[in-house]
N, C-alpha and C. Protein backbone atom coordinates (compact mmCIF):
# COMPACT_ATOMS: atom_id res chain seq x y z
N MET A 1 147.11 157.53 251.60
CA MET A 1 147.02 156.28 250.87
C MET A 1 147.96 155.27 251.49
N ALA A 2 147.49 154.05 251.75
CA ALA A 2 148.31 153.03 252.39
C ALA A 2 149.53 152.74 251.52
N ALA A 3 150.70 152.69 252.20
CA ALA A 3 151.94 152.49 251.46
C ALA A 3 151.96 151.15 250.75
N ASN A 4 151.43 150.09 251.40
CA ASN A 4 151.48 148.77 250.76
C ASN A 4 150.58 148.69 249.54
N LEU A 5 149.48 149.48 249.51
CA LEU A 5 148.65 149.52 248.30
C LEU A 5 149.45 150.08 247.14
N LYS A 6 150.15 151.19 247.39
CA LYS A 6 150.95 151.81 246.33
C LYS A 6 152.05 150.87 245.86
N ILE A 7 152.68 150.17 246.80
CA ILE A 7 153.73 149.21 246.44
C ILE A 7 153.16 148.08 245.59
N ASN A 8 151.99 147.57 245.97
CA ASN A 8 151.37 146.48 245.21
C ASN A 8 151.00 146.92 243.80
N LEU A 9 150.44 148.13 243.69
CA LEU A 9 150.09 148.64 242.36
C LEU A 9 151.34 148.84 241.50
N GLN A 10 152.39 149.35 242.13
CA GLN A 10 153.64 149.54 241.39
C GLN A 10 154.17 148.20 240.86
N ASP A 11 154.21 147.21 241.74
CA ASP A 11 154.79 145.92 241.37
C ASP A 11 153.92 145.14 240.39
N MET A 12 152.60 145.13 240.61
CA MET A 12 151.72 144.27 239.83
C MET A 12 151.25 144.90 238.52
N VAL A 13 151.11 146.24 238.50
CA VAL A 13 150.51 146.90 237.34
C VAL A 13 151.51 147.72 236.54
N PHE A 14 152.30 148.56 237.23
CA PHE A 14 153.07 149.57 236.50
C PHE A 14 154.53 149.21 236.26
N ARG A 15 155.15 148.45 237.14
CA ARG A 15 156.54 148.07 236.90
C ARG A 15 156.69 147.25 235.61
N PRO A 16 155.79 146.29 235.32
CA PRO A 16 155.91 145.57 234.05
C PRO A 16 155.79 146.47 232.82
N LYS A 17 155.17 147.64 232.99
CA LYS A 17 155.03 148.58 231.88
C LYS A 17 156.13 149.63 231.89
N SER A 18 157.15 149.44 232.76
CA SER A 18 158.26 150.40 232.91
C SER A 18 157.76 151.79 233.26
N GLU A 19 156.82 151.83 234.20
CA GLU A 19 156.28 153.10 234.68
C GLU A 19 156.48 153.19 236.19
N LYS A 20 156.75 154.40 236.66
CA LYS A 20 156.87 154.63 238.09
C LYS A 20 155.57 155.25 238.60
N LEU A 21 154.98 154.63 239.60
CA LEU A 21 153.75 155.14 240.19
C LEU A 21 154.09 156.29 241.13
N VAL A 22 153.59 157.48 240.81
CA VAL A 22 153.92 158.68 241.58
C VAL A 22 152.85 158.99 242.62
N HIS A 23 151.58 158.84 242.23
CA HIS A 23 150.50 159.23 243.14
C HIS A 23 149.27 158.35 242.88
N VAL A 24 148.56 158.03 243.96
CA VAL A 24 147.31 157.26 243.85
C VAL A 24 146.20 158.04 244.52
N LEU A 25 145.13 158.29 243.79
CA LEU A 25 143.94 158.96 244.33
C LEU A 25 142.83 157.94 244.49
N GLU A 26 142.38 157.75 245.71
CA GLU A 26 141.24 156.86 245.94
C GLU A 26 139.96 157.60 245.60
N LEU A 27 139.13 156.98 244.79
CA LEU A 27 137.86 157.58 244.38
C LEU A 27 136.72 157.08 245.25
N ALA A 28 135.67 157.90 245.35
CA ALA A 28 134.47 157.46 246.05
C ALA A 28 133.84 156.32 245.25
N LYS A 29 133.39 155.30 245.94
CA LYS A 29 132.81 154.15 245.25
C LYS A 29 131.42 154.50 244.73
N PRO A 30 131.13 154.22 243.45
CA PRO A 30 129.78 154.46 242.93
C PRO A 30 128.77 153.54 243.59
N CYS A 31 127.53 153.97 243.61
CA CYS A 31 126.47 153.19 244.26
C CYS A 31 126.30 151.82 243.64
N ILE A 32 126.64 151.71 242.34
CA ILE A 32 126.41 150.44 241.64
C ILE A 32 127.55 149.45 241.88
N ALA A 33 128.62 149.90 242.57
CA ALA A 33 129.76 149.01 242.78
C ALA A 33 129.35 147.82 243.63
N GLN A 34 129.79 146.66 243.24
CA GLN A 34 129.45 145.43 243.95
C GLN A 34 130.70 144.84 244.58
N GLY A 35 130.53 144.11 245.68
CA GLY A 35 131.63 143.39 246.29
C GLY A 35 132.70 144.32 246.83
N GLU A 36 133.96 143.94 246.59
CA GLU A 36 135.09 144.66 247.14
C GLU A 36 135.82 145.48 246.08
N GLU A 37 135.12 145.97 245.08
CA GLU A 37 135.75 146.79 244.05
C GLU A 37 136.13 148.16 244.61
N SER A 38 137.31 148.63 244.22
CA SER A 38 137.78 149.94 244.66
C SER A 38 138.38 150.68 243.47
N PRO A 39 137.89 151.89 243.16
CA PRO A 39 138.40 152.65 242.01
C PRO A 39 139.49 153.64 242.42
N TYR A 40 140.46 153.83 241.51
CA TYR A 40 141.58 154.74 241.77
C TYR A 40 141.95 155.48 240.49
N LEU A 41 142.52 156.68 240.66
CA LEU A 41 143.23 157.36 239.59
C LEU A 41 144.71 157.32 239.95
N CYS A 42 145.52 156.78 239.06
CA CYS A 42 146.95 156.63 239.31
C CYS A 42 147.74 157.54 238.37
N VAL A 43 148.68 158.29 238.93
CA VAL A 43 149.57 159.14 238.14
C VAL A 43 150.91 158.44 238.02
N THR A 44 151.35 158.21 236.78
CA THR A 44 152.60 157.50 236.57
C THR A 44 153.52 158.27 235.63
N ALA A 45 154.81 158.05 235.81
CA ALA A 45 155.82 158.59 234.90
C ALA A 45 156.27 157.46 234.00
N ALA A 46 155.95 157.56 232.73
CA ALA A 46 156.28 156.49 231.78
C ALA A 46 157.71 156.66 231.27
N SER A 47 158.24 155.61 230.67
CA SER A 47 159.63 155.59 230.23
C SER A 47 159.74 155.78 228.74
N ASP A 48 160.89 156.33 228.36
CA ASP A 48 161.26 156.35 226.94
C ASP A 48 162.78 156.26 226.86
N GLU A 49 163.38 156.67 225.81
CA GLU A 49 164.81 156.46 225.62
C GLU A 49 165.67 157.51 226.32
N GLU A 50 165.07 158.55 226.87
CA GLU A 50 165.84 159.61 227.50
C GLU A 50 166.06 159.29 228.98
N LEU A 51 167.32 159.27 229.42
CA LEU A 51 167.66 158.94 230.80
C LEU A 51 167.83 160.23 231.59
N LEU A 52 167.09 160.37 232.67
CA LEU A 52 167.14 161.56 233.49
C LEU A 52 167.44 161.18 234.93
N TRP A 53 168.11 162.08 235.66
CA TRP A 53 168.33 161.90 237.09
C TRP A 53 167.36 162.79 237.83
N ILE A 54 166.59 162.22 238.74
CA ILE A 54 165.63 163.00 239.49
C ILE A 54 165.65 162.56 240.94
N TYR A 55 165.08 163.39 241.82
CA TYR A 55 165.00 163.05 243.23
C TYR A 55 163.64 162.45 243.54
N GLY A 56 163.61 161.47 244.43
CA GLY A 56 162.36 160.85 244.80
C GLY A 56 162.53 159.95 246.00
N THR A 57 161.61 159.04 246.19
CA THR A 57 161.63 158.17 247.35
C THR A 57 161.60 156.69 246.98
N LEU A 58 161.77 156.40 245.70
CA LEU A 58 161.77 155.01 245.26
C LEU A 58 163.07 154.34 245.68
N GLU A 59 163.00 153.24 246.38
CA GLU A 59 164.20 152.52 246.81
C GLU A 59 164.79 151.77 245.64
N TYR A 60 166.05 152.03 245.35
CA TYR A 60 166.73 151.34 244.25
C TYR A 60 167.75 150.40 244.87
N PRO A 61 167.55 149.07 244.79
CA PRO A 61 168.33 148.11 245.58
C PRO A 61 169.81 148.03 245.22
N ARG A 62 170.20 148.39 243.99
CA ARG A 62 171.60 148.28 243.60
C ARG A 62 172.13 149.62 243.12
N PHE A 63 171.93 150.64 243.92
CA PHE A 63 172.36 151.98 243.52
C PHE A 63 173.89 152.05 243.55
N PRO A 64 174.55 152.54 242.50
CA PRO A 64 176.02 152.58 242.47
C PRO A 64 176.58 153.40 243.63
N GLU A 65 177.49 152.81 244.38
CA GLU A 65 178.02 153.45 245.58
C GLU A 65 178.74 154.76 245.24
N GLU A 66 179.43 154.81 244.10
CA GLU A 66 180.16 156.01 243.75
C GLU A 66 179.23 157.19 243.50
N LEU A 67 178.01 156.88 243.02
CA LEU A 67 177.05 157.96 242.80
C LEU A 67 176.47 158.45 244.12
N LEU A 68 176.27 157.53 245.06
CA LEU A 68 175.82 157.94 246.39
C LEU A 68 176.82 158.87 247.03
N LEU A 69 178.11 158.56 246.88
CA LEU A 69 179.15 159.41 247.45
C LEU A 69 179.19 160.76 246.77
N CYS A 70 178.91 160.77 245.48
CA CYS A 70 178.95 162.01 244.71
C CYS A 70 177.78 162.92 245.06
N PHE A 71 176.56 162.33 245.11
CA PHE A 71 175.37 163.14 245.35
C PHE A 71 175.01 163.23 246.82
N GLY A 72 175.49 162.27 247.63
CA GLY A 72 175.25 162.33 249.06
C GLY A 72 173.81 162.13 249.46
N SER A 73 173.05 161.33 248.72
CA SER A 73 171.65 161.12 249.05
C SER A 73 171.22 159.74 248.62
N SER A 74 170.58 159.01 249.53
CA SER A 74 170.05 157.69 249.17
C SER A 74 168.70 157.81 248.49
N ASP A 75 168.19 159.04 248.37
CA ASP A 75 166.91 159.26 247.71
C ASP A 75 167.07 159.51 246.21
N LEU A 76 168.30 159.46 245.73
CA LEU A 76 168.53 159.69 244.31
C LEU A 76 168.34 158.39 243.54
N PHE A 77 167.59 158.45 242.47
CA PHE A 77 167.42 157.25 241.66
C PHE A 77 167.28 157.67 240.21
N PHE A 78 167.40 156.71 239.28
CA PHE A 78 167.23 157.07 237.89
C PHE A 78 166.04 156.35 237.29
N THR A 79 165.47 157.00 236.33
CA THR A 79 164.35 156.42 235.60
C THR A 79 164.32 157.03 234.21
N LYS A 80 163.78 156.29 233.25
CA LYS A 80 163.57 156.84 231.92
C LYS A 80 162.19 157.48 231.93
N LYS A 81 162.19 158.77 232.13
CA LYS A 81 160.93 159.47 232.41
C LYS A 81 160.67 160.50 231.32
N LYS A 82 159.53 160.40 230.67
CA LYS A 82 159.17 161.39 229.68
C LYS A 82 157.69 161.71 229.77
N ASP A 83 156.83 160.76 229.38
CA ASP A 83 155.40 161.00 229.42
C ASP A 83 154.83 160.73 230.80
N VAL A 84 153.83 161.52 231.17
CA VAL A 84 153.11 161.33 232.43
C VAL A 84 151.68 160.92 232.09
N LYS A 85 151.21 159.87 232.74
CA LYS A 85 149.89 159.32 232.44
C LYS A 85 149.00 159.34 233.67
N ILE A 86 147.70 159.42 233.41
CA ILE A 86 146.69 159.23 234.45
C ILE A 86 145.90 157.99 234.06
N THR A 87 145.89 157.01 234.95
CA THR A 87 145.24 155.73 234.68
C THR A 87 144.07 155.53 235.61
N TYR A 88 142.92 155.20 235.05
CA TYR A 88 141.74 154.85 235.85
C TYR A 88 141.77 153.34 236.06
N LEU A 89 141.92 152.93 237.31
CA LEU A 89 142.13 151.53 237.63
C LEU A 89 141.16 151.08 238.71
N ILE A 90 140.63 149.88 238.55
CA ILE A 90 139.72 149.30 239.54
C ILE A 90 140.31 148.00 240.06
N THR A 91 140.42 147.89 241.37
CA THR A 91 140.85 146.62 241.97
C THR A 91 139.62 145.88 242.47
N ALA A 92 139.65 144.57 242.33
CA ALA A 92 138.52 143.74 242.77
C ALA A 92 139.07 142.49 243.45
N GLU A 93 138.56 142.20 244.63
CA GLU A 93 138.98 141.01 245.35
C GLU A 93 138.20 139.79 244.85
N LYS A 94 138.95 138.80 244.38
CA LYS A 94 138.37 137.55 243.91
C LYS A 94 138.89 136.40 244.77
N ILE A 95 138.30 135.25 244.59
CA ILE A 95 138.75 134.08 245.34
C ILE A 95 140.21 133.77 245.03
N THR A 96 140.60 134.01 243.78
CA THR A 96 141.96 133.70 243.35
C THR A 96 142.95 134.80 243.71
N GLY A 97 142.47 135.93 244.22
CA GLY A 97 143.35 137.05 244.56
C GLY A 97 142.76 138.37 244.09
N ILE A 98 143.60 139.40 244.06
CA ILE A 98 143.15 140.73 243.64
C ILE A 98 143.35 140.89 242.14
N CYS A 99 142.28 141.34 241.45
CA CYS A 99 142.35 141.61 240.02
C CYS A 99 142.50 143.11 239.81
N TYR A 100 143.33 143.49 238.83
CA TYR A 100 143.57 144.89 238.51
C TYR A 100 143.05 145.16 237.11
N ASN A 101 142.04 146.01 237.00
CA ASN A 101 141.42 146.30 235.72
C ASN A 101 141.64 147.77 235.35
N ILE A 102 142.32 148.00 234.23
CA ILE A 102 142.54 149.36 233.73
C ILE A 102 141.39 149.74 232.80
N ASN A 103 140.67 150.80 233.17
CA ASN A 103 139.49 151.21 232.41
C ASN A 103 139.70 152.49 231.61
N GLY A 104 140.88 153.06 231.68
CA GLY A 104 141.15 154.27 230.90
C GLY A 104 142.55 154.79 231.19
N VAL A 105 143.20 155.34 230.15
CA VAL A 105 144.53 155.93 230.29
C VAL A 105 144.57 157.23 229.48
N TRP A 106 145.09 158.30 230.10
CA TRP A 106 145.20 159.59 229.44
C TRP A 106 146.58 160.17 229.69
N LEU A 107 147.08 160.94 228.72
CA LEU A 107 148.36 161.63 228.87
C LEU A 107 148.12 163.01 229.47
N VAL A 108 148.95 163.37 230.43
CA VAL A 108 148.81 164.68 231.07
C VAL A 108 149.06 165.81 230.07
N LYS A 109 149.89 165.56 229.05
CA LYS A 109 150.15 166.61 228.05
C LYS A 109 148.89 166.93 227.25
N ASP A 110 147.90 166.04 227.26
CA ASP A 110 146.64 166.29 226.56
C ASP A 110 145.59 166.91 227.48
N LEU A 111 145.93 167.07 228.75
CA LEU A 111 145.00 167.64 229.72
C LEU A 111 145.01 169.16 229.61
N THR A 112 143.86 169.77 229.39
CA THR A 112 143.80 171.22 229.22
C THR A 112 143.28 171.94 230.45
N VAL A 113 142.26 171.39 231.10
CA VAL A 113 141.63 172.07 232.24
C VAL A 113 141.27 171.04 233.30
N ILE A 114 141.46 171.43 234.57
CA ILE A 114 140.88 170.68 235.69
C ILE A 114 139.93 171.62 236.41
N ASP A 115 138.66 171.25 236.47
CA ASP A 115 137.62 172.06 237.08
C ASP A 115 137.28 171.48 238.45
N GLY A 116 137.56 172.25 239.50
CA GLY A 116 137.30 171.80 240.86
C GLY A 116 135.86 171.90 241.30
N LYS A 117 134.99 172.41 240.43
CA LYS A 117 133.55 172.49 240.66
C LYS A 117 133.16 173.56 241.70
N GLU A 118 133.91 173.68 242.78
CA GLU A 118 133.57 174.63 243.84
C GLU A 118 134.83 174.96 244.64
N ALA A 119 135.16 176.26 244.67
CA ALA A 119 136.40 176.67 245.34
C ALA A 119 136.22 176.93 246.82
N MET A 120 135.03 177.33 247.24
CA MET A 120 134.83 177.80 248.62
C MET A 120 134.07 176.82 249.49
N GLN A 121 133.84 175.61 248.99
CA GLN A 121 133.12 174.61 249.79
C GLN A 121 133.88 173.29 249.79
N ASP A 122 133.55 172.47 250.76
CA ASP A 122 134.14 171.13 250.85
C ASP A 122 133.48 170.26 249.80
N ASN A 123 134.16 170.10 248.65
CA ASN A 123 133.57 169.39 247.51
C ASN A 123 134.63 168.51 246.86
N PRO A 124 134.51 167.18 246.95
CA PRO A 124 135.54 166.30 246.38
C PRO A 124 135.40 166.02 244.89
N ARG A 125 134.40 166.61 244.23
CA ARG A 125 134.19 166.32 242.81
C ARG A 125 135.04 167.25 241.94
N PHE A 126 135.44 166.75 240.77
CA PHE A 126 136.20 167.57 239.82
C PHE A 126 136.08 166.98 238.43
N ASP A 127 136.33 167.82 237.42
CA ASP A 127 136.31 167.41 236.02
C ASP A 127 137.72 167.53 235.45
N MET A 128 138.09 166.59 234.58
CA MET A 128 139.33 166.70 233.81
C MET A 128 138.96 166.78 232.33
N HIS A 129 139.48 167.82 231.67
CA HIS A 129 139.15 168.08 230.27
C HIS A 129 140.28 167.57 229.36
N PHE A 130 140.00 166.49 228.67
CA PHE A 130 140.86 166.02 227.58
C PHE A 130 140.09 166.30 226.29
N GLU A 131 140.08 165.40 225.34
CA GLU A 131 139.18 165.58 224.19
C GLU A 131 137.74 165.49 224.66
N GLN A 132 137.53 164.71 225.71
CA GLN A 132 136.24 164.64 226.37
C GLN A 132 136.40 165.05 227.82
N VAL A 133 135.29 165.39 228.46
CA VAL A 133 135.31 165.78 229.87
C VAL A 133 134.98 164.55 230.72
N HIS A 134 135.83 164.29 231.70
CA HIS A 134 135.63 163.16 232.59
C HIS A 134 135.41 163.68 234.01
N THR A 135 134.34 163.24 234.64
CA THR A 135 133.97 163.69 235.98
C THR A 135 134.32 162.62 237.00
N TRP A 136 134.93 163.08 238.13
CA TRP A 136 135.36 162.16 239.17
C TRP A 136 134.95 162.69 240.54
N GLU A 137 134.90 161.81 241.49
CA GLU A 137 134.69 162.20 242.88
C GLU A 137 135.74 161.52 243.74
N ALA A 138 136.59 162.33 244.36
CA ALA A 138 137.65 161.80 245.21
C ALA A 138 137.09 161.30 246.53
N PHE A 139 137.92 160.58 247.27
CA PHE A 139 137.51 160.08 248.58
C PHE A 139 137.30 161.23 249.56
N SER A 140 138.04 162.33 249.38
CA SER A 140 137.90 163.52 250.22
C SER A 140 138.37 164.73 249.43
N THR A 141 138.00 165.92 249.90
CA THR A 141 138.44 167.15 249.23
C THR A 141 139.94 167.32 249.35
N ALA A 142 140.50 167.00 250.51
CA ALA A 142 141.96 167.09 250.69
C ALA A 142 142.69 166.18 249.71
N ALA A 143 142.15 164.97 249.49
CA ALA A 143 142.75 164.04 248.54
C ALA A 143 142.68 164.59 247.11
N LYS A 144 141.58 165.27 246.79
CA LYS A 144 141.45 165.89 245.47
C LYS A 144 142.55 166.92 245.25
N TYR A 145 142.79 167.77 246.25
CA TYR A 145 143.82 168.80 246.12
C TYR A 145 145.21 168.19 246.02
N ALA A 146 145.47 167.12 246.78
CA ALA A 146 146.78 166.46 246.69
C ALA A 146 147.01 165.91 245.29
N PHE A 147 145.96 165.37 244.69
CA PHE A 147 146.05 164.82 243.34
C PHE A 147 146.35 165.90 242.31
N VAL A 148 145.61 167.01 242.36
CA VAL A 148 145.81 168.04 241.35
C VAL A 148 147.16 168.74 241.53
N ARG A 149 147.65 168.84 242.78
CA ARG A 149 148.98 169.41 242.98
C ARG A 149 150.04 168.52 242.34
N CYS A 150 149.87 167.21 242.45
CA CYS A 150 150.81 166.28 241.82
C CYS A 150 150.78 166.42 240.31
N VAL A 151 149.58 166.47 239.73
CA VAL A 151 149.45 166.62 238.28
C VAL A 151 150.08 167.93 237.82
N ARG A 152 149.84 168.99 238.57
CA ARG A 152 150.39 170.30 238.21
C ARG A 152 151.92 170.28 238.22
N GLU A 153 152.49 169.72 239.27
CA GLU A 153 153.95 169.69 239.38
C GLU A 153 154.58 168.86 238.27
N LEU A 154 154.01 167.69 237.97
CA LEU A 154 154.57 166.84 236.92
C LEU A 154 154.40 167.46 235.54
N SER A 155 153.30 168.18 235.33
CA SER A 155 153.11 168.86 234.06
C SER A 155 154.17 169.94 233.86
N LYS A 156 154.49 170.66 234.94
CA LYS A 156 155.51 171.71 234.85
C LYS A 156 156.89 171.13 234.61
N THR A 157 157.26 170.09 235.40
CA THR A 157 158.61 169.55 235.31
C THR A 157 158.84 168.72 234.06
N THR A 158 157.79 168.06 233.56
CA THR A 158 157.95 167.18 232.41
C THR A 158 157.71 167.90 231.09
N TYR A 159 156.69 168.73 231.05
CA TYR A 159 156.31 169.38 229.80
C TYR A 159 156.57 170.89 229.77
N GLY A 160 156.95 171.45 230.91
CA GLY A 160 157.22 172.88 230.96
C GLY A 160 155.99 173.75 230.80
N ARG A 161 154.84 173.22 231.19
CA ARG A 161 153.61 174.01 231.09
C ARG A 161 152.71 173.73 232.29
N ASP A 162 151.84 174.67 232.57
CA ASP A 162 150.89 174.50 233.67
C ASP A 162 149.52 174.15 233.10
N VAL A 163 148.83 173.30 233.80
CA VAL A 163 147.44 173.00 233.45
C VAL A 163 146.56 174.14 233.95
N GLU A 164 145.49 174.45 233.23
CA GLU A 164 144.57 175.48 233.70
C GLU A 164 143.66 174.91 234.78
N PHE A 165 143.61 175.61 235.91
CA PHE A 165 142.76 175.19 237.02
C PHE A 165 141.66 176.22 237.23
N VAL A 166 140.42 175.77 237.31
CA VAL A 166 139.30 176.66 237.58
C VAL A 166 138.51 176.11 238.76
N ASN A 167 137.91 177.02 239.52
CA ASN A 167 137.09 176.66 240.68
C ASN A 167 137.89 175.89 241.74
N PHE A 168 139.12 176.35 241.99
CA PHE A 168 139.94 175.83 243.07
C PHE A 168 140.35 176.98 243.98
N ASP A 169 140.60 176.67 245.24
CA ASP A 169 141.18 177.62 246.17
C ASP A 169 142.69 177.64 245.92
N ASN A 170 143.21 178.78 245.44
CA ASN A 170 144.62 178.85 245.06
C ASN A 170 145.55 178.56 246.22
N ASP A 171 145.11 178.85 247.45
CA ASP A 171 145.97 178.57 248.61
C ASP A 171 146.26 177.09 248.73
N PHE A 172 145.31 176.26 248.32
CA PHE A 172 145.47 174.82 248.47
C PHE A 172 146.02 174.16 247.22
N LEU A 173 146.22 174.95 246.15
CA LEU A 173 146.92 174.42 245.00
C LEU A 173 148.43 174.44 245.23
N ARG A 174 148.87 175.25 246.21
CA ARG A 174 150.27 175.24 246.60
C ARG A 174 150.48 174.20 247.67
N GLU A 175 151.74 173.85 247.89
CA GLU A 175 152.06 172.83 248.89
C GLU A 175 151.64 173.29 250.27
N THR A 176 151.07 172.38 251.05
CA THR A 176 150.69 172.65 252.43
C THR A 176 151.52 171.77 253.33
N GLY A 177 151.16 171.71 254.58
CA GLY A 177 151.86 170.83 255.49
C GLY A 177 152.92 171.53 256.32
N HIS A 178 152.94 172.89 256.37
CA HIS A 178 153.87 173.58 257.22
C HIS A 178 153.60 173.23 258.68
N PHE A 179 154.66 173.07 259.45
CA PHE A 179 154.55 172.69 260.86
C PHE A 179 153.84 171.34 261.01
N TYR A 180 153.90 170.51 259.95
CA TYR A 180 153.35 169.16 259.98
C TYR A 180 151.85 169.14 260.22
N ILE A 181 151.15 170.16 259.77
CA ILE A 181 149.70 170.17 259.83
C ILE A 181 149.17 169.46 258.60
N THR A 182 148.32 168.48 258.79
CA THR A 182 147.84 167.70 257.65
C THR A 182 146.88 168.52 256.81
N GLU A 183 146.69 168.07 255.56
CA GLU A 183 145.82 168.79 254.63
C GLU A 183 144.38 168.81 255.12
N ASP A 184 143.91 167.69 255.69
CA ASP A 184 142.53 167.64 256.17
C ASP A 184 142.29 168.66 257.28
N ILE A 185 143.25 168.79 258.20
CA ILE A 185 143.11 169.76 259.29
C ILE A 185 143.12 171.17 258.75
N MET A 186 144.05 171.45 257.82
CA MET A 186 144.12 172.80 257.25
C MET A 186 142.85 173.16 256.51
N LEU A 187 142.32 172.20 255.75
CA LEU A 187 141.09 172.47 255.02
C LEU A 187 139.93 172.71 255.98
N THR A 188 139.83 171.90 257.04
CA THR A 188 138.76 172.06 258.03
C THR A 188 138.86 173.42 258.71
N LEU A 189 140.09 173.81 259.09
CA LEU A 189 140.28 175.11 259.74
C LEU A 189 139.86 176.26 258.83
N LYS A 190 140.24 176.15 257.56
CA LYS A 190 139.89 177.23 256.63
C LYS A 190 138.38 177.33 256.44
N LEU A 191 137.70 176.18 256.31
CA LEU A 191 136.25 176.21 256.15
C LEU A 191 135.57 176.75 257.40
N CYS A 192 136.11 176.41 258.58
CA CYS A 192 135.55 176.93 259.84
C CYS A 192 135.71 178.44 259.92
N LEU A 193 136.87 178.93 259.50
CA LEU A 193 137.10 180.38 259.53
C LEU A 193 136.18 181.10 258.55
N GLN A 194 135.97 180.50 257.38
CA GLN A 194 135.07 181.12 256.41
C GLN A 194 133.64 181.15 256.95
N GLY A 195 133.22 180.06 257.62
CA GLY A 195 131.90 180.03 258.22
C GLY A 195 131.76 181.04 259.34
N LEU A 196 132.82 181.21 260.14
CA LEU A 196 132.80 182.19 261.23
C LEU A 196 132.72 183.60 260.69
N ASN A 197 133.44 183.88 259.61
CA ASN A 197 133.38 185.21 258.98
C ASN A 197 131.98 185.53 258.49
N CYS A 198 131.33 184.52 257.88
CA CYS A 198 129.96 184.72 257.39
C CYS A 198 129.01 184.98 258.56
N ALA A 199 129.19 184.23 259.64
CA ALA A 199 128.31 184.42 260.81
C ALA A 199 128.50 185.81 261.42
N CYS A 200 129.75 186.25 261.48
CA CYS A 200 130.02 187.59 262.03
C CYS A 200 129.43 188.67 261.15
N PHE A 201 129.54 188.47 259.82
CA PHE A 201 129.00 189.45 258.88
C PHE A 201 127.47 189.55 259.02
N LEU A 202 126.81 188.37 259.10
CA LEU A 202 125.34 188.37 259.24
C LEU A 202 124.91 188.96 260.57
N GLY A 203 125.74 188.76 261.62
CA GLY A 203 125.41 189.32 262.92
C GLY A 203 125.52 190.82 262.97
N CYS A 204 126.37 191.34 262.10
CA CYS A 204 126.55 192.80 262.09
C CYS A 204 125.54 193.51 261.20
N VAL A 205 124.84 192.75 260.37
CA VAL A 205 123.86 193.38 259.47
C VAL A 205 122.60 193.75 260.23
């Protein structure tokens, strides 16, 4: 995801709501989409009265120097973080500029199941089960896995519980990127190996 897109969404949409934008998932554009509309699912950490210290990558322009000396990291920042939200947002380019339209907001604590639809194939579609089931299609399968890993981690750290995942490859629900191999390459390699195994099996029959 382009860094400036995330910065723009943070500044224009979520900072006024005292929310930190953690992850942005680009969705596949529906056939009925017109013009320059682009749909996204955004994961944010909302604020409340509880002050927590956490590690991250948000630049804090006036970070107290004594705390930097104490913790020894410029990546340390503070936020009032309690609830985690998933926001369905559509950006649209207009003559006057970019419009940001929020079409739905859900709390991760109300999320019960994420259904990946297919664990052994390259499939970017998935369902999220709240009171109702919402179906989405990510821009890519790798992007889908990055999104659900983010939701899983925030659910554990914020609420102390794991979301139920079905029809996912468990290897890709864990963090990837060892030796700086990108998720897309790892996913492609795994699918190629699975296809090769099937071909070898059929050749031996």
